[in-house]
């Protein structure tokens, strides 16, 4: 729910559960996010080392095209 709330705040729009969880599962399958459990009803998601490397690579790629303001 925290991820959903954060995305809704960022995009200023309702985030549908039916789209959120399949996307999180895809990130897990790609090894970018690790899925765990907090209790029987609550999952936790953590960015993996690979996920952090991919984010850094994306930032480097973007910096080629976007000037610092």
PDB file of N, CA and C in Angstrom:
ATOM      1  N   UNK A   1       0.820  -1.195   0.000  1.00  0.00           N
ATOM      2  CA  UNK A   1       0.000   0.000   0.000  1.00  0.00           C
ATOM      3  C   UNK A   1       0.866   1.262   0.000  1.00  0.00           C
ATOM      4  N   UNK A   2       2.018   1.206   0.652  1.00  0.00           N
ATOM      5  CA  UNK A   2       2.893   2.382   0.693  1.00  0.00           C
ATOM      6  C   UNK A   2       3.379   2.741  -0.714  1.00  0.00           C
ATOM      7  N   UNK A   3       3.707   1.720  -1.508  1.00  0.00           N
ATOM      8  CA  UNK A   3       4.144   1.973  -2.885  1.00  0.00           C
ATOM      9  C   UNK A   3       3.004   2.600  -3.669  1.00  0.00           C
ATOM     10  N   UNK A   4       1.813   2.039  -3.528  1.00  0.00           N
ATOM     11  CA  UNK A   4       0.630   2.564  -4.223  1.00  0.00           C
ATOM     12  C   UNK A   4       0.383   4.020  -3.830  1.00  0.00           C
ATOM     13  N   UNK A   5       0.447   4.311  -2.539  1.00  0.00           N
ATOM     14  CA  UNK A   5       0.229   5.680  -2.062  1.00  0.00           C
ATOM     15  C   UNK A   5       1.265   6.642  -2.622  1.00  0.00           C
ATOM     16  N   UNK A   6       2.516   6.215  -2.633  1.00  0.00           N
ATOM     17  CA  UNK A   6       3.603   7.063  -3.151  1.00  0.00           C
ATOM     18  C   UNK A   6       3.396   7.355  -4.639  1.00  0.00           C
ATOM     19  N   UNK A   7       3.029   6.341  -5.407  1.00  0.00           N
ATOM     20  CA  UNK A   7       2.787   6.539  -6.834  1.00  0.00           C
ATOM     21  C   UNK A   7       1.592   7.449  -7.078  1.00  0.00           C
ATOM     22  N   UNK A   8       0.546   7.282  -6.301  1.00  0.00           N
ATOM     23  CA  UNK A   8      -0.632   8.135  -6.458  1.00  0.00           C
ATOM     24  C   UNK A   8      -0.285   9.592  -6.163  1.00  0.00           C
ATOM     25  N   UNK A   9       0.528   9.820  -5.136  1.00  0.00           N
ATOM     26  CA  UNK A   9       0.957  11.184  -4.834  1.00  0.00           C
ATOM     27  C   UNK A   9       1.789  11.753  -5.975  1.00  0.00           C
ATOM     28  N   UNK A  10       2.697  10.956  -6.509  1.00  0.00           N
ATOM     29  CA  UNK A  10       3.583  11.415  -7.569  1.00  0.00           C
ATOM     30  C   UNK A  10       2.803  11.743  -8.843  1.00  0.00           C
ATOM     31  N   UNK A  11       1.934  10.824  -9.255  1.00  0.00           N
ATOM     32  CA  UNK A  11       1.203  11.001 -10.511  1.00  0.00           C
ATOM     33  C   UNK A  11      -0.103  11.766 -10.354  1.00  0.00           C
ATOM     34  N   UNK A  12      -0.493  12.032  -9.115  1.00  0.00           N
ATOM     35  CA  UNK A  12      -1.747  12.727  -8.825  1.00  0.00           C
ATOM     36  C   UNK A  12      -2.911  12.041  -9.536  1.00  0.00           C
ATOM     37  N   UNK A  13      -2.922  10.716  -9.444  1.00  0.00           N
ATOM     38  CA  UNK A  13      -3.969   9.908 -10.076  1.00  0.00           C
ATOM     39  C   UNK A  13      -4.126   8.612  -9.294  1.00  0.00           C
ATOM     40  N   UNK A  14      -5.285   8.008  -9.434  1.00  0.00           N
ATOM     41  CA  UNK A  14      -5.560   6.729  -8.785  1.00  0.00           C
ATOM     42  C   UNK A  14      -4.740   5.626  -9.446  1.00  0.00           C
ATOM     43  N   UNK A  15      -4.074   4.814  -8.659  1.00  0.00           N
ATOM     44  CA  UNK A  15      -3.310   3.681  -9.153  1.00  0.00           C
ATOM     45  C   UNK A  15      -4.131   2.419  -8.914  1.00  0.00           C
ATOM     46  N   UNK A  16      -4.368   1.673  -9.962  1.00  0.00           N
ATOM     47  CA  UNK A  16      -5.181   0.471  -9.921  1.00  0.00           C
ATOM     48  C   UNK A  16      -4.350  -0.719  -9.435  1.00  0.00           C
ATOM     49  N   UNK A  17      -4.870  -1.471  -8.451  1.00  0.00           N
ATOM     50  CA  UNK A  17      -4.176  -2.662  -7.955  1.00  0.00           C
ATOM     51  C   UNK A  17      -3.884  -3.651  -9.076  1.00  0.00           C
ATOM     52  N   UNK A  18      -4.809  -3.752 -10.021  1.00  0.00           N
ATOM     53  CA  UNK A  18      -4.665  -4.690 -11.131  1.00  0.00           C
ATOM     54  C   UNK A  18      -3.496  -4.390 -12.039  1.00  0.00           C
ATOM     55  N   UNK A  19      -2.991  -3.184 -11.995  1.00  0.00           N
ATOM     56  CA  UNK A  19      -1.810  -2.815 -12.790  1.00  0.00           C
ATOM     57  C   UNK A  19      -0.560  -2.793 -11.936  1.00  0.00           C
ATOM     58  N   UNK A  20      -0.694  -2.410 -10.675  1.00  0.00           N
ATOM     59  CA  UNK A  20       0.465  -2.259  -9.799  1.00  0.00           C
ATOM     60  C   UNK A  20       1.155  -3.595  -9.529  1.00  0.00           C
ATOM     61  N   UNK A  21       0.401  -4.577  -9.055  1.00  0.00           N
ATOM     62  CA  UNK A  21       1.020  -5.824  -8.624  1.00  0.00           C
ATOM     63  C   UNK A  21       1.619  -6.639  -9.762  1.00  0.00           C
ATOM     64  N   UNK A  22       0.999  -6.709 -10.937  1.00  0.00           N
ATOM     65  CA  UNK A  22       1.687  -7.390 -12.046  1.00  0.00           C
ATOM     66  C   UNK A  22       3.008  -6.695 -12.424  1.00  0.00           C
ATOM     67  N   UNK A  23       3.043  -5.365 -12.346  1.00  0.00           N
ATOM     68  CA  UNK A  23       4.290  -4.646 -12.635  1.00  0.00           C
ATOM     69  C   UNK A  23       5.348  -4.933 -11.577  1.00  0.00           C
ATOM     70  N   UNK A  24       4.945  -4.985 -10.313  1.00  0.00           N
ATOM     71  CA  UNK A  24       5.896  -5.347  -9.260  1.00  0.00           C
ATOM     72  C   UNK A  24       6.412  -6.766  -9.478  1.00  0.00           C
ATOM     73  N   UNK A  25       5.526  -7.685  -9.850  1.00  0.00           N
ATOM     74  CA  UNK A  25       5.943  -9.066 -10.119  1.00  0.00           C
ATOM     75  C   UNK A  25       6.949  -9.127 -11.260  1.00  0.00           C
ATOM     76  N   UNK A  26       6.762  -8.304 -12.279  1.00  0.00           N
ATOM     77  CA  UNK A  26       7.720  -8.253 -13.390  1.00  0.00           C
ATOM     78  C   UNK A  26       9.086  -7.779 -12.909  1.00  0.00           C
ATOM     79  N   UNK A  27       9.111  -6.771 -12.051  1.00  0.00           N
ATOM     80  CA  UNK A  27      10.381  -6.292 -11.498  1.00  0.00           C
ATOM     81  C   UNK A  27      11.061  -7.380 -10.670  1.00  0.00           C
ATOM     82  N   UNK A  28      10.275  -8.153  -9.937  1.00  0.00           N
ATOM     83  CA  UNK A  28      10.812  -9.269  -9.159  1.00  0.00           C
ATOM     84  C   UNK A  28      11.408 -10.312 -10.103  1.00  0.00           C
ATOM     85  N   UNK A  29      10.672 -10.684 -11.147  1.00  0.00           N
ATOM     86  CA  UNK A  29      11.139 -11.679 -12.113  1.00  0.00           C
ATOM     87  C   UNK A  29      12.439 -11.259 -12.780  1.00  0.00           C
ATOM     88  N   UNK A  30      12.614  -9.969 -13.002  1.00  0.00           N
ATOM     89  CA  UNK A  30      13.831  -9.456 -13.644  1.00  0.00           C
ATOM     90  C   UNK A  30      14.980  -9.289 -12.657  1.00  0.00           C
ATOM     91  N   UNK A  31      14.728  -9.547 -11.380  1.00  0.00           N
ATOM     92  CA  UNK A  31      15.779  -9.441 -10.379  1.00  0.00           C
ATOM     93  C   UNK A  31      16.075  -8.027  -9.943  1.00  0.00           C
ATOM     94  N   UNK A  32      15.190  -7.098 -10.237  1.00  0.00           N
ATOM     95  CA  UNK A  32      15.397  -5.694  -9.873  1.00  0.00           C
ATOM     96  C   UNK A  32      14.841  -5.371  -8.491  1.00  0.00           C
ATOM     97  N   UNK A  33      13.873  -6.173  -8.059  1.00  0.00           N
ATOM     98  CA  UNK A  33      13.213  -5.981  -6.766  1.00  0.00           C
ATOM     99  C   UNK A  33      13.084  -7.346  -6.110  1.00  0.00           C
ATOM    100  N   UNK A  34      13.253  -7.383  -4.799  1.00  0.00           N
ATOM    101  CA  UNK A  34      13.072  -8.612  -4.032  1.00  0.00           C
ATOM    102  C   UNK A  34      11.748  -8.522  -3.283  1.00  0.00           C
ATOM    103  N   UNK A  35      10.961  -9.586  -3.373  1.00  0.00           N
ATOM    104  CA  UNK A  35       9.666  -9.638  -2.707  1.00  0.00           C
ATOM    105  C   UNK A  35       9.804 -10.469  -1.434  1.00  0.00           C
ATOM    106  N   UNK A  36       9.310  -9.917  -0.339  1.00  0.00           N
ATOM    107  CA  UNK A  36       9.304 -10.627   0.930  1.00  0.00           C
ATOM    108  C   UNK A  36       7.930 -10.521   1.557  1.00  0.00           C
ATOM    109  N   UNK A  37       7.808 -11.009   2.769  1.00  0.00           N
ATOM    110  CA  UNK A  37       6.532 -10.921   3.474  1.00  0.00           C
ATOM    111  C   UNK A  37       6.741 -10.307   4.847  1.00  0.00           C
ATOM    112  N   UNK A  38       5.801  -9.454   5.224  1.00  0.00           N
ATOM    113  CA  UNK A  38       5.811  -8.871   6.564  1.00  0.00           C
ATOM    114  C   UNK A  38       4.912  -9.683   7.489  1.00  0.00           C
ATOM    115  N   UNK A  39       3.811 -10.156   6.953  1.00  0.00           N
ATOM    116  CA  UNK A  39       2.898 -11.047   7.660  1.00  0.00           C
ATOM    117  C   UNK A  39       2.111 -11.821   6.611  1.00  0.00           C
ATOM    118  N   UNK A  40       1.115 -12.566   7.019  1.00  0.00           N
ATOM    119  CA  UNK A  40       0.382 -13.410   6.064  1.00  0.00           C
ATOM    120  C   UNK A  40      -0.334 -12.621   4.982  1.00  0.00           C
ATOM    121  N   UNK A  41      -0.593 -11.347   5.231  1.00  0.00           N
ATOM    122  CA  UNK A  41      -1.355 -10.541   4.272  1.00  0.00           C
ATOM    123  C   UNK A  41      -0.545  -9.443   3.596  1.00  0.00           C
ATOM    124  N   UNK A  42       0.669  -9.184   4.082  1.00  0.00           N
ATOM    125  CA  UNK A  42       1.412  -8.015   3.617  1.00  0.00           C
ATOM    126  C   UNK A  42       2.755  -8.406   3.006  1.00  0.00           C
ATOM    127  N   UNK A  43       2.957  -8.001   1.769  1.00  0.00           N
ATOM    128  CA  UNK A  43       4.242  -8.207   1.104  1.00  0.00           C
ATOM    129  C   UNK A  43       5.135  -6.992   1.317  1.00  0.00           C
ATOM    130  N   UNK A  44       6.435  -7.234   1.219  1.00  0.00           N
ATOM    131  CA  UNK A  44       7.396  -6.131   1.233  1.00  0.00           C
ATOM    132  C   UNK A  44       8.206  -6.218  -0.049  1.00  0.00           C
ATOM    133  N   UNK A  45       8.672  -5.081  -0.526  1.00  0.00           N
ATOM    134  CA  UNK A  45       9.473  -5.021  -1.744  1.00  0.00           C
ATOM    135  C   UNK A  45      10.713  -4.199  -1.467  1.00  0.00           C
ATOM    136  N   UNK A  46      11.867  -4.721  -1.896  1.00  0.00           N
ATOM    137  CA  UNK A  46      13.147  -4.062  -1.683  1.00  0.00           C
ATOM    138  C   UNK A  46      13.916  -4.036  -2.994  1.00  0.00           C
ATOM    139  N   UNK A  47      14.524  -2.922  -3.303  1.00  0.00           N
ATOM    140  CA  UNK A  47      15.342  -2.836  -4.517  1.00  0.00           C
ATOM    141  C   UNK A  47      16.610  -3.657  -4.302  1.00  0.00           C
ATOM    142  N   UNK A  48      16.953  -4.475  -5.290  1.00  0.00           N
ATOM    143  CA  UNK A  48      18.152  -5.316  -5.217  1.00  0.00           C
ATOM    144  C   UNK A  48      19.380  -4.516  -5.653  1.00  0.00           C
ATOM    145  N   UNK A  49      20.553  -5.109  -5.445  1.00  0.00           N
ATOM    146  CA  UNK A  49      21.779  -4.474  -5.936  1.00  0.00           C
ATOM    147  C   UNK A  49      21.705  -4.261  -7.439  1.00  0.00           C
ATOM    148  N   UNK A  50      21.180  -5.262  -8.151  1.00  0.00           N
ATOM    149  CA  UNK A  50      21.024  -5.110  -9.599  1.00  0.00           C
ATOM    150  C   UNK A  50      20.072  -3.962  -9.917  1.00  0.00           C
ATOM    151  N   UNK A  51      19.006  -3.836  -9.138  1.00  0.00           N
ATOM    152  CA  UNK A  51      18.060  -2.745  -9.337  1.00  0.00           C
ATOM    153  C   UNK A  51      18.732  -1.393  -9.183  1.00  0.00           C
ATOM    154  N   UNK A  52      19.581  -1.262  -8.151  1.00  0.00           N
ATOM    155  CA  UNK A  52      20.308  -0.003  -7.961  1.00  0.00           C
ATOM    156  C   UNK A  52      21.265   0.263  -9.119  1.00  0.00           C
ATOM    157  N   UNK A  53      21.934  -0.787  -9.613  1.00  0.00           N
ATOM    158  CA  UNK A  53      22.839  -0.603 -10.765  1.00  0.00           C
ATOM    159  C   UNK A  53      22.066  -0.149 -12.000  1.00  0.00           C
ATOM    160  N   UNK A  54      20.893  -0.738 -12.217  1.00  0.00           N
ATOM    161  CA  UNK A  54      20.072  -0.351 -13.365  1.00  0.00           C
ATOM    162  C   UNK A  54      19.597   1.095 -13.243  1.00  0.00           C
ATOM    163  N   UNK A  55      19.222   1.505 -12.030  1.00  0.00           N
ATOM    164  CA  UNK A  55      18.813   2.898 -11.820  1.00  0.00           C
ATOM    165  C   UNK A  55      19.971   3.857 -12.104  1.00  0.00           C
ATOM    166  N   UNK A  56      21.158   3.493 -11.648  1.00  0.00           N
ATOM    167  CA  UNK A  56      22.329   4.344 -11.894  1.00  0.00           C
ATOM    168  C   UNK A  56      22.637   4.419 -13.386  1.00  0.00           C
ATOM    169  N   UNK A  57      22.549   3.289 -14.074  1.00  0.00           N
ATOM    170  CA  UNK A  57      22.788   3.283 -15.522  1.00  0.00           C
ATOM    171  C   UNK A  57      21.766   4.161 -16.232  1.00  0.00           C
ATOM    172  N   UNK A  58      20.531   4.127 -15.787  1.00  0.00           N
ATOM    173  CA  UNK A  58      19.484   4.969 -16.391  1.00  0.00           C
ATOM    174  C   UNK A  58      19.792   6.446 -16.177  1.00  0.00           C
ATOM    175  N   UNK A  59      20.216   6.783 -14.952  1.00  0.00           N
ATOM    176  CA  UNK A  59      20.568   8.182 -14.663  1.00  0.00           C
ATOM    177  C   UNK A  59      21.716   8.649 -15.544  1.00  0.00           C
ATOM    178  N   UNK A  60      22.715   7.802 -15.729  1.00  0.00           N
ATOM    179  CA  UNK A  60      23.847   8.157 -16.590  1.00  0.00           C
ATOM    180  C   UNK A  60      23.388   8.360 -18.031  1.00  0.00           C
ATOM    181  N   UNK A  61      22.511   7.472 -18.504  1.00  0.00           N
ATOM    182  CA  UNK A  61      21.994   7.599 -19.859  1.00  0.00           C
ATOM    183  C   UNK A  61      21.219   8.900 -20.002  1.00  0.00           C
ATOM    184  N   UNK A  62      20.336   9.195 -19.031  1.00  0.00           N
ATOM    185  CA  UNK A  62      19.537  10.419 -19.088  1.00  0.00           C
ATOM    186  C   UNK A  62      20.419  11.659 -19.063  1.00  0.00           C
ATOM    187  N   UNK A  63      21.507  11.612 -18.290  1.00  0.00           N
ATOM    188  CA  UNK A  63      22.367  12.796 -18.161  1.00  0.00           C
ATOM    189  C   UNK A  63      23.005  13.187 -19.488  1.00  0.00           C
ATOM    190  N   UNK A  64      23.054  12.275 -20.439  1.00  0.00           N
ATOM    191  CA  UNK A  64      23.583  12.603 -21.758  1.00  0.00           C
ATOM    192  C   UNK A  64      22.661  13.550 -22.513  1.00  0.00           C
ATOM    193  N   UNK A  65      21.377  13.501 -22.171  1.00  0.00           N
ATOM    194  CA  UNK A  65      20.361  14.208 -22.925  1.00  0.00           C
ATOM    195  C   UNK A  65      19.677  15.336 -22.166  1.00  0.00           C
ATOM    196  N   UNK A  66      19.886  15.380 -20.856  1.00  0.00           N
ATOM    197  CA  UNK A  66      19.236  16.389 -20.033  1.00  0.00           C
ATOM    198  C   UNK A  66      20.310  17.172 -19.290  1.00  0.00           C
ATOM    199  N   UNK A  67      20.290  18.482 -19.458  1.00  0.00           N
ATOM    200  CA  UNK A  67      21.256  19.325 -18.782  1.00  0.00           C
ATOM    201  C   UNK A  67      20.821  19.573 -17.356  1.00  0.00           C
ATOM    202  N   UNK A  68      21.802  19.704 -16.445  1.00  0.00           N
ATOM    203  CA  UNK A  68      21.486  20.080 -15.066  1.00  0.00           C
ATOM    204  C   UNK A  68      20.953  21.500 -15.052  1.00  0.00           C
ATOM    205  N   UNK A  69      19.947  21.727 -14.248  1.00  0.00           N
ATOM    206  CA  UNK A  69      19.366  23.060 -14.151  1.00  0.00           C
ATOM    207  C   UNK A  69      19.866  23.748 -12.904  1.00  0.00           C
TER     208      UNK A  69
END
